[in-house]
Amino acid sequence: MILATTKKIPGYKIIEYRGLVMGVTVRSRGYFGAWCASFQTCAGGEISQYTAQLLETRNEALNRMVADAYARGANAIIGIKFDNDELGSKKASSNSNMTIANNATIAVGTAVIVQKL
């Protein structure tokens, strides 16, 4: 599968459009992740647990989008975009500053059949 964020793929000609494809995933940060991240927040710098989770959710959304494109008979996806949002954010407890949230990631693009020039 050829993947591109652009509307064209250099060296290829679009033969047929197969429609919008997408992949969606939602992950919970959970209490333990928020607790661990709170220590990194105090020290400053990158919060590696959240970074790893965002990369994991992005890859899962991408893989689901690719599966959608294969199901449509496509061999490429153009115009790929990602969006990430937080859903259902709430405090871990009434006496805590930790927040438990769900991270939603969506990958969208246009499935196409391309041919090498």
PDB file of N, CA and C in Angstrom:
ATOM      1  N   MET A   1       0.854  -1.175   0.000  1.00  0.00           N
ATOM      2  CA  MET A   1       0.000   0.000   0.000  1.00  0.00           C
ATOM      3  C   MET A   1       0.898   1.236   0.000  1.00  0.00           C
ATOM      4  N   ILE A   2       0.653   2.121  -0.951  1.00  0.00           N
ATOM      5  CA  ILE A   2       1.377   3.393  -1.011  1.00  0.00           C
ATOM      6  C   ILE A   2       0.574   4.417  -0.217  1.00  0.00           C
ATOM      7  N   LEU A   3       1.251   5.129   0.671  1.00  0.00           N
ATOM      8  CA  LEU A   3       0.593   6.119   1.521  1.00  0.00           C
ATOM      9  C   LEU A   3       1.169   7.495   1.242  1.00  0.00           C
ATOM     10  N   ALA A   4       0.287   8.488   1.092  1.00  0.00           N
ATOM     11  CA  ALA A   4       0.750   9.850   0.806  1.00  0.00           C
ATOM     12  C   ALA A   4      -0.157  10.876   1.475  1.00  0.00           C
ATOM     13  N   THR A   5       0.460  11.918   1.982  1.00  0.00           N
ATOM     14  CA  THR A   5      -0.317  13.030   2.540  1.00  0.00           C
ATOM     15  C   THR A   5      -0.726  14.010   1.441  1.00  0.00           C
ATOM     16  N   THR A   6      -0.147  13.855   0.276  1.00  0.00           N
ATOM     17  CA  THR A   6      -0.418  14.735  -0.861  1.00  0.00           C
ATOM     18  C   THR A   6      -1.567  14.179  -1.711  1.00  0.00           C
ATOM     19  N   LYS A   7      -2.030  14.982  -2.675  1.00  0.00           N
ATOM     20  CA  LYS A   7      -3.119  14.553  -3.553  1.00  0.00           C
ATOM     21  C   LYS A   7      -2.619  13.738  -4.740  1.00  0.00           C
ATOM     22  N   LYS A   8      -1.317  13.769  -4.966  1.00  0.00           N
ATOM     23  CA  LYS A   8      -0.702  13.013  -6.056  1.00  0.00           C
ATOM     24  C   LYS A   8       0.492  12.250  -5.511  1.00  0.00           C
ATOM     25  N   ILE A   9       0.863  11.179  -6.217  1.00  0.00           N
ATOM     26  CA  ILE A   9       2.040  10.405  -5.849  1.00  0.00           C
ATOM     27  C   ILE A   9       3.018  10.510  -7.011  1.00  0.00           C
ATOM     28  N   PRO A  10       4.179  11.124  -6.794  1.00  0.00           N
ATOM     29  CA  PRO A  10       5.148  11.273  -7.879  1.00  0.00           C
ATOM     30  C   PRO A  10       5.497   9.919  -8.505  1.00  0.00           C
ATOM     31  N   GLY A  11       5.462   9.878  -9.835  1.00  0.00           N
ATOM     32  CA  GLY A  11       5.789   8.657 -10.560  1.00  0.00           C
ATOM     33  C   GLY A  11       4.613   7.710 -10.740  1.00  0.00           C
ATOM     34  N   TYR A  12       3.419   8.119 -10.293  1.00  0.00           N
ATOM     35  CA  TYR A  12       2.229   7.277 -10.407  1.00  0.00           C
ATOM     36  C   TYR A  12       1.070   8.071 -10.987  1.00  0.00           C
ATOM     37  N   LYS A  13       0.196   7.355 -11.660  1.00  0.00           N
ATOM     38  CA  LYS A  13      -1.011   7.946 -12.230  1.00  0.00           C
ATOM     39  C   LYS A  13      -2.213   7.335 -11.509  1.00  0.00           C
ATOM     40  N   ILE A  14      -3.163   8.180 -11.110  1.00  0.00           N
ATOM     41  CA  ILE A  14      -4.374   7.673 -10.460  1.00  0.00           C
ATOM     42  C   ILE A  14      -5.309   7.139 -11.537  1.00  0.00           C
ATOM     43  N   ILE A  15      -5.639   5.864 -11.416  1.00  0.00           N
ATOM     44  CA  ILE A  15      -6.501   5.183 -12.380  1.00  0.00           C
ATOM     45  C   ILE A  15      -7.965   5.256 -11.948  1.00  0.00           C
ATOM     46  N   GLU A  16      -8.174   5.090 -10.635  1.00  0.00           N
ATOM     47  CA  GLU A  16      -9.552   5.050 -10.134  1.00  0.00           C
ATOM     48  C   GLU A  16      -9.595   5.486  -8.668  1.00  0.00           C
ATOM     49  N   TYR A  17     -10.636   6.224  -8.330  1.00  0.00           N
ATOM     50  CA  TYR A  17     -10.878   6.617  -6.940  1.00  0.00           C
ATOM     51  C   TYR A  17     -11.816   5.591  -6.312  1.00  0.00           C
ATOM     52  N   ARG A  18     -11.484   5.130  -5.096  1.00  0.00           N
ATOM     53  CA  ARG A  18     -12.288   4.126  -4.403  1.00  0.00           C
ATOM     54  C   ARG A  18     -13.008   4.671  -3.171  1.00  0.00           C
ATOM     55  N   GLY A  19     -12.878   5.974  -2.919  1.00  0.00           N
ATOM     56  CA  GLY A  19     -13.643   6.598  -1.846  1.00  0.00           C
ATOM     57  C   GLY A  19     -12.865   6.890  -0.580  1.00  0.00           C
ATOM     58  N   LEU A  20     -13.577   7.517   0.341  1.00  0.00           N
ATOM     59  CA  LEU A  20     -13.023   7.896   1.634  1.00  0.00           C
ATOM     60  C   LEU A  20     -12.771   6.650   2.476  1.00  0.00           C
ATOM     61  N   VAL A  21     -11.594   6.606   3.081  1.00  0.00           N
ATOM     62  CA  VAL A  21     -11.273   5.519   4.009  1.00  0.00           C
ATOM     63  C   VAL A  21     -10.850   6.133   5.333  1.00  0.00           C
ATOM     64  N   MET A  22     -11.101   5.397   6.409  1.00  0.00           N
ATOM     65  CA  MET A  22     -10.709   5.918   7.717  1.00  0.00           C
ATOM     66  C   MET A  22     -10.408   4.788   8.680  1.00  0.00           C
ATOM     67  N   GLY A  23      -9.692   5.154   9.701  1.00  0.00           N
ATOM     68  CA  GLY A  23      -9.414   4.248  10.808  1.00  0.00           C
ATOM     69  C   GLY A  23      -9.547   5.041  12.092  1.00  0.00           C
ATOM     70  N   VAL A  24     -10.225   4.481  13.068  1.00  0.00           N
ATOM     71  CA  VAL A  24     -10.473   5.180  14.329  1.00  0.00           C
ATOM     72  C   VAL A  24     -10.093   4.267  15.488  1.00  0.00           C
ATOM     73  N   THR A  25      -9.527   4.853  16.514  1.00  0.00           N
ATOM     74  CA  THR A  25      -9.272   4.121  17.750  1.00  0.00           C
ATOM     75  C   THR A  25      -9.387   5.073  18.932  1.00  0.00           C
ATOM     76  N   VAL A  26      -9.836   4.548  20.048  1.00  0.00           N
ATOM     77  CA  VAL A  26      -9.937   5.327  21.287  1.00  0.00           C
ATOM     78  C   VAL A  26      -9.242   4.523  22.378  1.00  0.00           C
ATOM     79  N   ARG A  27      -8.345   5.167  23.071  1.00  0.00           N
ATOM     80  CA  ARG A  27      -7.614   4.523  24.168  1.00  0.00           C
ATOM     81  C   ARG A  27      -7.794   5.309  25.450  1.00  0.00           C
ATOM     82  N   SER A  28      -7.853   4.605  26.549  1.00  0.00           N
ATOM     83  CA  SER A  28      -7.952   5.246  27.855  1.00  0.00           C
ATOM     84  C   SER A  28      -6.561   5.389  28.452  1.00  0.00           C
ATOM     85  N   ARG A  29      -6.295   6.542  29.016  1.00  0.00           N
ATOM     86  CA  ARG A  29      -5.026   6.724  29.725  1.00  0.00           C
ATOM     87  C   ARG A  29      -5.048   5.975  31.045  1.00  0.00           C
ATOM     88  N   GLY A  30      -6.199   5.923  31.672  1.00  0.00           N
ATOM     89  CA  GLY A  30      -6.343   5.181  32.911  1.00  0.00           C
ATOM     90  C   GLY A  30      -5.678   5.835  34.108  1.00  0.00           C
ATOM     91  N   TYR A  31      -6.027   5.334  35.270  1.00  0.00           N
ATOM     92  CA  TYR A  31      -5.527   5.907  36.523  1.00  0.00           C
ATOM     93  C   TYR A  31      -4.024   5.690  36.687  1.00  0.00           C
ATOM     94  N   PHE A  32      -3.551   4.463  36.417  1.00  0.00           N
ATOM     95  CA  PHE A  32      -2.133   4.166  36.620  1.00  0.00           C
ATOM     96  C   PHE A  32      -1.252   5.013  35.707  1.00  0.00           C
ATOM     97  N   GLY A  33      -1.658   5.158  34.451  1.00  0.00           N
ATOM     98  CA  GLY A  33      -0.897   5.993  33.518  1.00  0.00           C
ATOM     99  C   GLY A  33      -0.852   7.438  33.964  1.00  0.00           C
ATOM    100  N   ALA A  34      -1.983   7.937  34.453  1.00  0.00           N
ATOM    101  CA  ALA A  34      -2.030   9.318  34.949  1.00  0.00           C
ATOM    102  C   ALA A  34      -1.142   9.479  36.175  1.00  0.00           C
ATOM    103  N   TRP A  35      -1.133   8.471  37.033  1.00  0.00           N
ATOM    104  CA  TRP A  35      -0.314   8.508  38.246  1.00  0.00           C
ATOM    105  C   TRP A  35       1.172   8.537  37.897  1.00  0.00           C
ATOM    106  N   CYS A  36       1.585   7.655  36.974  1.00  0.00           N
ATOM    107  CA  CYS A  36       2.993   7.630  36.548  1.00  0.00           C
ATOM    108  C   CYS A  36       3.379   8.945  35.873  1.00  0.00           C
ATOM    109  N   ALA A  37       2.496   9.442  35.028  1.00  0.00           N
ATOM    110  CA  ALA A  37       2.780  10.684  34.304  1.00  0.00           C
ATOM    111  C   ALA A  37       2.893  11.868  35.250  1.00  0.00           C
ATOM    112  N   SER A  38       2.189  11.811  36.375  1.00  0.00           N
ATOM    113  CA  SER A  38       2.246  12.928  37.323  1.00  0.00           C
ATOM    114  C   SER A  38       3.657  13.119  37.865  1.00  0.00           C
ATOM    115  N   PHE A  39       4.412  12.033  38.003  1.00  0.00           N
ATOM    116  CA  PHE A  39       5.795  12.147  38.469  1.00  0.00           C
ATOM    117  C   PHE A  39       6.675  12.805  37.411  1.00  0.00           C
ATOM    118  N   GLN A  40       6.473  12.442  36.141  1.00  0.00           N
ATOM    119  CA  GLN A  40       7.248  13.065  35.071  1.00  0.00           C
ATOM    120  C   GLN A  40       6.877  14.529  34.915  1.00  0.00           C
ATOM    121  N   THR A  41       5.623  14.864  35.161  1.00  0.00           N
ATOM    122  CA  THR A  41       5.192  16.256  35.078  1.00  0.00           C
ATOM    123  C   THR A  41       5.912  17.097  36.121  1.00  0.00           C
ATOM    124  N   CYS A  42       6.067  16.555  37.315  1.00  0.00           N
ATOM    125  CA  CYS A  42       6.775  17.277  38.386  1.00  0.00           C
ATOM    126  C   CYS A  42       8.225  17.531  38.009  1.00  0.00           C
ATOM    127  N   ALA A  43       8.849  16.564  37.367  1.00  0.00           N
ATOM    128  CA  ALA A  43      10.260  16.681  36.997  1.00  0.00           C
ATOM    129  C   ALA A  43      10.445  17.512  35.732  1.00  0.00           C
ATOM    130  N   GLY A  44       9.397  17.665  34.943  1.00  0.00           N
ATOM    131  CA  GLY A  44       9.490  18.398  33.678  1.00  0.00           C
ATOM    132  C   GLY A  44       9.913  17.478  32.548  1.00  0.00           C
ATOM    133  N   GLY A  45       9.762  17.951  31.333  1.00  0.00           N
ATOM    134  CA  GLY A  45      10.178  17.176  30.165  1.00  0.00           C
ATOM    135  C   GLY A  45       9.047  16.362  29.563  1.00  0.00           C
ATOM    136  N   GLU A  46       9.435  15.484  28.677  1.00  0.00           N
ATOM    137  CA  GLU A  46       8.477  14.663  27.943  1.00  0.00           C
ATOM    138  C   GLU A  46       7.808  13.646  28.866  1.00  0.00           C
ATOM    139  N   ILE A  47       6.529  13.418  28.644  1.00  0.00           N
ATOM    140  CA  ILE A  47       5.793  12.394  29.386  1.00  0.00           C
ATOM    141  C   ILE A  47       5.746  11.164  28.483  1.00  0.00           C
ATOM    142  N   SER A  48       6.713  10.281  28.679  1.00  0.00           N
ATOM    143  CA  SER A  48       6.927   9.169  27.755  1.00  0.00           C
ATOM    144  C   SER A  48       5.736   8.220  27.659  1.00  0.00           C
ATOM    145  N   GLN A  49       4.985   8.029  28.752  1.00  0.00           N
ATOM    146  CA  GLN A  49       3.817   7.142  28.686  1.00  0.00           C
ATOM    147  C   GLN A  49       2.784   7.683  27.703  1.00  0.00           C
ATOM    148  N   TYR A  50       2.558   8.990  27.721  1.00  0.00           N
ATOM    149  CA  TYR A  50       1.579   9.585  26.812  1.00  0.00           C
ATOM    150  C   TYR A  50       2.094   9.601  25.377  1.00  0.00           C
ATOM    151  N   THR A  51       3.380   9.866  25.213  1.00  0.00           N
ATOM    152  CA  THR A  51       3.965   9.849  23.872  1.00  0.00           C
ATOM    153  C   THR A  51       3.815   8.466  23.255  1.00  0.00           C
ATOM    154  N   ALA A  52       4.146   7.438  24.015  1.00  0.00           N
ATOM    155  CA  ALA A  52       4.030   6.065  23.519  1.00  0.00           C
ATOM    156  C   ALA A  52       2.584   5.732  23.174  1.00  0.00           C
ATOM    157  N   GLN A  53       1.648   6.176  24.019  1.00  0.00           N
ATOM    158  CA  GLN A  53       0.241   5.894  23.756  1.00  0.00           C
ATOM    159  C   GLN A  53      -0.242   6.605  22.492  1.00  0.00           C
ATOM    160  N   LEU A  54       0.167   7.850  22.303  1.00  0.00           N
ATOM    161  CA  LEU A  54      -0.246   8.581  21.098  1.00  0.00           C
ATOM    162  C   LEU A  54       0.302   7.927  19.839  1.00  0.00           C
ATOM    163  N   LEU A  55       1.560   7.477  19.875  1.00  0.00           N
ATOM    164  CA  LEU A  55       2.139   6.787  18.719  1.00  0.00           C
ATOM    165  C   LEU A  55       1.415   5.473  18.449  1.00  0.00           C
ATOM    166  N   GLU A  56       1.103   4.756  19.509  1.00  0.00           N
ATOM    167  CA  GLU A  56       0.386   3.491  19.381  1.00  0.00           C
ATOM    168  C   GLU A  56      -1.006   3.695  18.780  1.00  0.00           C
ATOM    169  N   THR A  57      -1.728   4.703  19.258  1.00  0.00           N
ATOM    170  CA  THR A  57      -3.073   4.942  18.731  1.00  0.00           C
ATOM    171  C   THR A  57      -3.022   5.431  17.289  1.00  0.00           C
ATOM    172  N   ARG A  58      -2.027   6.225  16.957  1.00  0.00           N
ATOM    173  CA  ARG A  58      -1.886   6.692  15.575  1.00  0.00           C
ATOM    174  C   ARG A  58      -1.625   5.511  14.642  1.00  0.00           C
ATOM    175  N   ASN A  59      -0.720   4.621  15.041  1.00  0.00           N
ATOM    176  CA  ASN A  59      -0.421   3.454  14.212  1.00  0.00           C
ATOM    177  C   ASN A  59      -1.629   2.538  14.069  1.00  0.00           C
ATOM    178  N   GLU A  60      -2.388   2.373  15.138  1.00  0.00           N
ATOM    179  CA  GLU A  60      -3.586   1.540  15.067  1.00  0.00           C
ATOM    180  C   GLU A  60      -4.623   2.156  14.127  1.00  0.00           C
ATOM    181  N   ALA A  61      -4.826   3.459  14.213  1.00  0.00           N
ATOM    182  CA  ALA A  61      -5.763   4.139  13.310  1.00  0.00           C
ATOM    183  C   ALA A  61      -5.292   4.013  11.861  1.00  0.00           C
ATOM    184  N   LEU A  62      -3.991   4.174  11.640  1.00  0.00           N
ATOM    185  CA  LEU A  62      -3.426   4.046  10.295  1.00  0.00           C
ATOM    186  C   LEU A  62      -3.640   2.632   9.755  1.00  0.00           C
ATOM    187  N   ASN A  63      -3.364   1.621  10.570  1.00  0.00           N
ATOM    188  CA  ASN A  63      -3.550   0.234  10.132  1.00  0.00           C
ATOM    189  C   ASN A  63      -5.007  -0.066   9.799  1.00  0.00           C
ATOM    190  N   ARG A  64      -5.924   0.491  10.562  1.00  0.00           N
ATOM    191  CA  ARG A  64      -7.350   0.283  10.274  1.00  0.00           C
ATOM    192  C   ARG A  64      -7.762   0.981   8.981  1.00  0.00           C
ATOM    193  N   MET A  65      -7.186   2.154   8.716  1.00  0.00           N
ATOM    194  CA  MET A  65      -7.477   2.857   7.474  1.00  0.00           C
ATOM    195  C   MET A  65      -6.939   2.058   6.282  1.00  0.00           C
ATOM    196  N   VAL A  66      -5.740   1.528   6.411  1.00  0.00           N
ATOM    197  CA  VAL A  66      -5.145   0.715   5.342  1.00  0.00           C
ATOM    198  C   VAL A  66      -6.008  -0.525   5.084  1.00  0.00           C
ATOM    199  N   ALA A  67      -6.493  -1.172   6.136  1.00  0.00           N
ATOM    200  CA  ALA A  67      -7.369  -2.336   5.972  1.00  0.00           C
ATOM    201  C   ALA A  67      -8.646  -1.952   5.229  1.00  0.00           C
ATOM    202  N   ASP A  68      -9.187  -0.779   5.525  1.00  0.00           N
ATOM    203  CA  ASP A  68     -10.372  -0.271   4.833  1.00  0.00           C
ATOM    204  C   ASP A  68     -10.073  -0.084   3.346  1.00  0.00           C
ATOM    205  N   ALA A  69      -8.901   0.462   3.039  1.00  0.00           N
ATOM    206  CA  ALA A  69      -8.518   0.678   1.636  1.00  0.00           C
ATOM    207  C   ALA A  69      -8.336  -0.649   0.896  1.00  0.00           C
ATOM    208  N   TYR A  70      -7.683  -1.618   1.543  1.00  0.00           N
ATOM    209  CA  TYR A  70      -7.531  -2.942   0.926  1.00  0.00           C
ATOM    210  C   TYR A  70      -8.899  -3.560   0.646  1.00  0.00           C
ATOM    211  N   ALA A  71      -9.836  -3.408   1.572  1.00  0.00           N
ATOM    212  CA  ALA A  71     -11.185  -3.959   1.394  1.00  0.00           C
ATOM    213  C   ALA A  71     -11.895  -3.333   0.199  1.00  0.00           C
ATOM    214  N   ARG A  72     -11.498  -2.132  -0.171  1.00  0.00           N
ATOM    215  CA  ARG A  72     -12.088  -1.443  -1.324  1.00  0.00           C
ATOM    216  C   ARG A  72     -11.313  -1.722  -2.612  1.00  0.00           C
ATOM    217  N   GLY A  73     -10.284  -2.547  -2.528  1.00  0.00           N
ATOM    218  CA  GLY A  73      -9.508  -2.901  -3.706  1.00  0.00           C
ATOM    219  C   GLY A  73      -8.477  -1.863  -4.109  1.00  0.00           C
ATOM    220  N   ALA A  74      -8.148  -0.954  -3.219  1.00  0.00           N
ATOM    221  CA  ALA A  74      -7.177   0.109  -3.521  1.00  0.00           C
ATOM    222  C   ALA A  74      -5.750  -0.386  -3.308  1.00  0.00           C
ATOM    223  N   ASN A  75      -4.812   0.294  -3.973  1.00  0.00           N
ATOM    224  CA  ASN A  75      -3.400  -0.001  -3.736  1.00  0.00           C
ATOM    225  C   ASN A  75      -2.645   1.229  -3.228  1.00  0.00           C
ATOM    226  N   ALA A  76      -3.380   2.309  -2.965  1.00  0.00           N
ATOM    227  CA  ALA A  76      -2.762   3.525  -2.425  1.00  0.00           C
ATOM    228  C   ALA A  76      -3.817   4.356  -1.694  1.00  0.00           C
ATOM    229  N   ILE A  77      -3.321   5.212  -0.804  1.00  0.00           N
ATOM    230  CA  ILE A  77      -4.183   6.177  -0.114  1.00  0.00           C
ATOM    231  C   ILE A  77      -3.517   7.535  -0.239  1.00  0.00           C
ATOM    232  N   ILE A  78      -4.292   8.517  -0.690  1.00  0.00           N
ATOM    233  CA  ILE A  78      -3.763   9.875  -0.840  1.00  0.00           C
ATOM    234  C   ILE A  78      -4.488  10.821   0.122  1.00  0.00           C
ATOM    235  N   GLY A  79      -3.890  11.985   0.328  1.00  0.00           N
ATOM    236  CA  GLY A  79      -4.517  13.008   1.166  1.00  0.00           C
ATOM    237  C   GLY A  79      -4.697  12.585   2.614  1.00  0.00           C
ATOM    238  N   ILE A  80      -3.771  11.805   3.140  1.00  0.00           N
ATOM    239  CA  ILE A  80      -3.905  11.292   4.509  1.00  0.00           C
ATOM    240  C   ILE A  80      -3.772  12.417   5.526  1.00  0.00           C
ATOM    241  N   LYS A  81      -4.689  12.398   6.480  1.00  0.00           N
ATOM    242  CA  LYS A  81      -4.660  13.354   7.596  1.00  0.00           C
ATOM    243  C   LYS A  81      -4.966  12.596   8.877  1.00  0.00           C
ATOM    244  N   PHE A  82      -4.417  13.106   9.965  1.00  0.00           N
ATOM    245  CA  PHE A  82      -4.678  12.548  11.291  1.00  0.00           C
ATOM    246  C   PHE A  82      -5.312  13.622  12.156  1.00  0.00           C
ATOM    247  N   ASP A  83      -6.193  13.200  13.048  1.00  0.00           N
ATOM    248  CA  ASP A  83      -6.743  14.112  14.042  1.00  0.00           C
ATOM    249  C   ASP A  83      -6.748  13.377  15.372  1.00  0.00           C
ATOM    250  N   ASN A  84      -6.482  14.115  16.407  1.00  0.00           N
ATOM    251  CA  ASN A  84      -6.386  13.545  17.736  1.00  0.00           C
ATOM    252  C   ASN A  84      -7.192  14.414  18.688  1.00  0.00           C
ATOM    253  N   ASP A  85      -7.959  13.788  19.571  1.00  0.00           N
ATOM    254  CA  ASP A  85      -8.762  14.563  20.508  1.00  0.00           C
ATOM    255  C   ASP A  85      -8.899  13.803  21.816  1.00  0.00           C
ATOM    256  N   GLU A  86      -9.219  14.536  22.844  1.00  0.00           N
ATOM    257  CA  GLU A  86      -9.438  13.955  24.163  1.00  0.00           C
ATOM    258  C   GLU A  86     -10.936  13.847  24.396  1.00  0.00           C
ATOM    259  N   LEU A  87     -11.374  12.682  24.869  1.00  0.00           N
ATOM    260  CA  LEU A  87     -12.794  12.446  25.126  1.00  0.00           C
ATOM    261  C   LEU A  87     -13.003  12.079  26.585  1.00  0.00           C
ATOM    262  N   GLY A  88     -14.055  12.561  27.171  1.00  0.00           N
ATOM    263  CA  GLY A  88     -14.454  12.132  28.508  1.00  0.00           C
ATOM    264  C   GLY A  88     -13.447  12.384  29.602  1.00  0.00           C
ATOM    265  N   SER A  89     -12.800  13.529  29.570  1.00  0.00           N
ATOM    266  CA  SER A  89     -11.811  13.866  30.589  1.00  0.00           C
ATOM    267  C   SER A  89     -12.482  14.053  31.950  1.00  0.00           C
ATOM    268  N   LYS A  90     -11.868  13.463  32.982  1.00  0.00           N
ATOM    269  CA  LYS A  90     -12.394  13.648  34.341  1.00  0.00           C
ATOM    270  C   LYS A  90     -11.271  13.484  35.351  1.00  0.00           C
ATOM    271  N   LYS A  91     -11.468  14.049  36.525  1.00  0.00           N
ATOM    272  CA  LYS A  91     -10.475  13.927  37.591  1.00  0.00           C
ATOM    273  C   LYS A  91     -10.483  12.503  38.133  1.00  0.00           C
ATOM    274  N   ALA A  92      -9.286  12.023  38.496  1.00  0.00           N
ATOM    275  CA  ALA A  92      -9.167  10.671  39.034  1.00  0.00           C
ATOM    276  C   ALA A  92      -9.937  10.523  40.342  1.00  0.00           C
ATOM    277  N   SER A  93      -9.944  11.572  41.155  1.00  0.00           N
ATOM    278  CA  SER A  93     -10.720  11.581  42.395  1.00  0.00           C
ATOM    279  C   SER A  93     -10.961  13.028  42.799  1.00  0.00           C
ATOM    280  N   SER A  94     -11.837  13.235  43.750  1.00  0.00           N
ATOM    281  CA  SER A  94     -12.183  14.601  44.147  1.00  0.00           C
ATOM    282  C   SER A  94     -11.021  15.345  44.794  1.00  0.00           C
ATOM    283  N   ASN A  95     -10.070  14.623  45.369  1.00  0.00           N
ATOM    284  CA  ASN A  95      -8.929  15.279  46.014  1.00  0.00           C
ATOM    285  C   ASN A  95      -7.637  15.134  45.209  1.00  0.00           C
ATOM    286  N   SER A  96      -7.761  14.912  43.919  1.00  0.00           N
ATOM    287  CA  SER A  96      -6.589  14.696  43.069  1.00  0.00           C
ATOM    288  C   SER A  96      -6.572  15.683  41.908  1.00  0.00           C
ATOM    289  N   ASN A  97      -5.376  16.034  41.480  1.00  0.00           N
ATOM    290  CA  ASN A  97      -5.223  16.864  40.283  1.00  0.00           C
ATOM    291  C   ASN A  97      -5.016  16.015  39.035  1.00  0.00           C
ATOM    292  N   MET A  98      -4.904  14.700  39.199  1.00  0.00           N
ATOM    293  CA  MET A  98      -4.701  13.812  38.060  1.00  0.00           C
ATOM    294  C   MET A  98      -5.976  13.720  37.233  1.00  0.00           C
ATOM    295  N   THR A  99      -5.796  13.698  35.927  1.00  0.00           N
ATOM    296  CA  THR A  99      -6.928  13.609  35.011  1.00  0.00           C
ATOM    297  C   THR A  99      -6.877  12.286  34.267  1.00  0.00           C
ATOM    298  N   ILE A 100      -8.010  11.615  34.206  1.00  0.00           N
ATOM    299  CA  ILE A 100      -8.132  10.401  33.413  1.00  0.00           C
ATOM    300  C   ILE A 100      -8.912  10.782  32.164  1.00  0.00           C
ATOM    301  N   ALA A 101      -8.372  10.421  31.016  1.00  0.00           N
ATOM    302  CA  ALA A 101      -9.027  10.806  29.768  1.00  0.00           C
ATOM    303  C   ALA A 101      -8.888   9.698  28.741  1.00  0.00           C
ATOM    304  N   ASN A 102      -9.717   9.768  27.744  1.00  0.00           N
ATOM    305  CA  ASN A 102      -9.637   8.861  26.608  1.00  0.00           C
ATOM    306  C   ASN A 102      -9.074   9.633  25.432  1.00  0.00           C
ATOM    307  N   ASN A 103      -8.144   9.020  24.736  1.00  0.00           N
ATOM    308  CA  ASN A 103      -7.513   9.641  23.592  1.00  0.00           C
ATOM    309  C   ASN A 103      -8.085   9.023  22.314  1.00  0.00           C
ATOM    310  N   ALA A 104      -8.710   9.838  21.470  1.00  0.00           N
ATOM    311  CA  ALA A 104      -9.279   9.366  20.209  1.00  0.00           C
ATOM    312  C   ALA A 104      -8.396   9.827  19.058  1.00  0.00           C
ATOM    313  N   THR A 105      -8.073   8.901  18.173  1.00  0.00           N
ATOM    314  CA  THR A 105      -7.274   9.221  16.996  1.00  0.00           C
ATOM    315  C   THR A 105      -8.003   8.706  15.767  1.00  0.00           C
ATOM    316  N   ILE A 106      -8.057   9.544  14.734  1.00  0.00           N
ATOM    317  CA  ILE A 106      -8.674   9.150  13.468  1.00  0.00           C
ATOM    318  C   ILE A 106      -7.692   9.434  12.340  1.00  0.00           C
ATOM    319  N   ALA A 107      -7.609   8.492  11.413  1.00  0.00           N
ATOM    320  CA  ALA A 107      -6.819   8.664  10.194  1.00  0.00           C
ATOM    321  C   ALA A 107      -7.806   8.629   9.034  1.00  0.00           C
ATOM    322  N   VAL A 108      -7.731   9.608   8.137  1.00  0.00           N
ATOM    323  CA  VAL A 108      -8.619   9.649   6.973  1.00  0.00           C
ATOM    324  C   VAL A 108      -7.805   9.900   5.712  1.00  0.00           C
ATOM    325  N   GLY A 109      -8.314   9.407   4.610  1.00  0.00           N
ATOM    326  CA  GLY A 109      -7.667   9.616   3.324  1.00  0.00           C
ATOM    327  C   GLY A 109      -8.589   9.154   2.209  1.00  0.00           C
ATOM    328  N   THR A 110      -8.097   9.230   0.991  1.00  0.00           N
ATOM    329  CA  THR A 110      -8.850   8.784  -0.178  1.00  0.00           C
ATOM    330  C   THR A 110      -8.177   7.555  -0.759  1.00  0.00           C
ATOM    331  N   ALA A 111      -8.919   6.462  -0.846  1.00  0.00           N
ATOM    332  CA  ALA A 111      -8.404   5.222  -1.423  1.00  0.00           C
ATOM    333  C   ALA A 111      -8.415   5.345  -2.945  1.00  0.00           C
ATOM    334  N   VAL A 112      -7.315   4.953  -3.561  1.00  0.00           N
ATOM    335  CA  VAL A 112      -7.196   5.030  -5.019  1.00  0.00           C
ATOM    336  C   VAL A 112      -6.474   3.798  -5.554  1.00  0.00           C
ATOM    337  N   ILE A 113      -6.638   3.597  -6.840  1.00  0.00           N
ATOM    338  CA  ILE A 113      -5.823   2.618  -7.557  1.00  0.00           C
ATOM    339  C   ILE A 113      -4.862   3.424  -8.410  1.00  0.00           C
ATOM    340  N   VAL A 114      -3.580   3.157  -8.238  1.00  0.00           N
ATOM    341  CA  VAL A 114      -2.562   3.881  -8.996  1.00  0.00           C
ATOM    342  C   VAL A 114      -1.779   2.913  -9.871  1.00  0.00           C
ATOM    343  N   GLN A 115      -1.164   3.505 -10.892  1.00  0.00           N
ATOM    344  CA  GLN A 115      -0.332   2.737 -11.814  1.00  0.00           C
ATOM    345  C   GLN A 115       0.968   3.499 -12.010  1.00  0.00           C
ATOM    346  N   LYS A 116       2.075   2.778 -11.970  1.00  0.00           N
ATOM    347  CA  LYS A 116       3.379   3.401 -12.161  1.00  0.00           C
ATOM    348  C   LYS A 116       3.483   3.939 -13.585  1.00  0.00           C
ATOM    349  N   LEU A 117       4.030   5.151 -13.710  1.00  0.00           N
ATOM    350  CA  LEU A 117       4.183   5.775 -15.035  1.00  0.00           C
ATOM    351  C   LEU A 117       5.292   5.109 -15.826  1.00  0.00           C
TER     352      LEU A 117
END
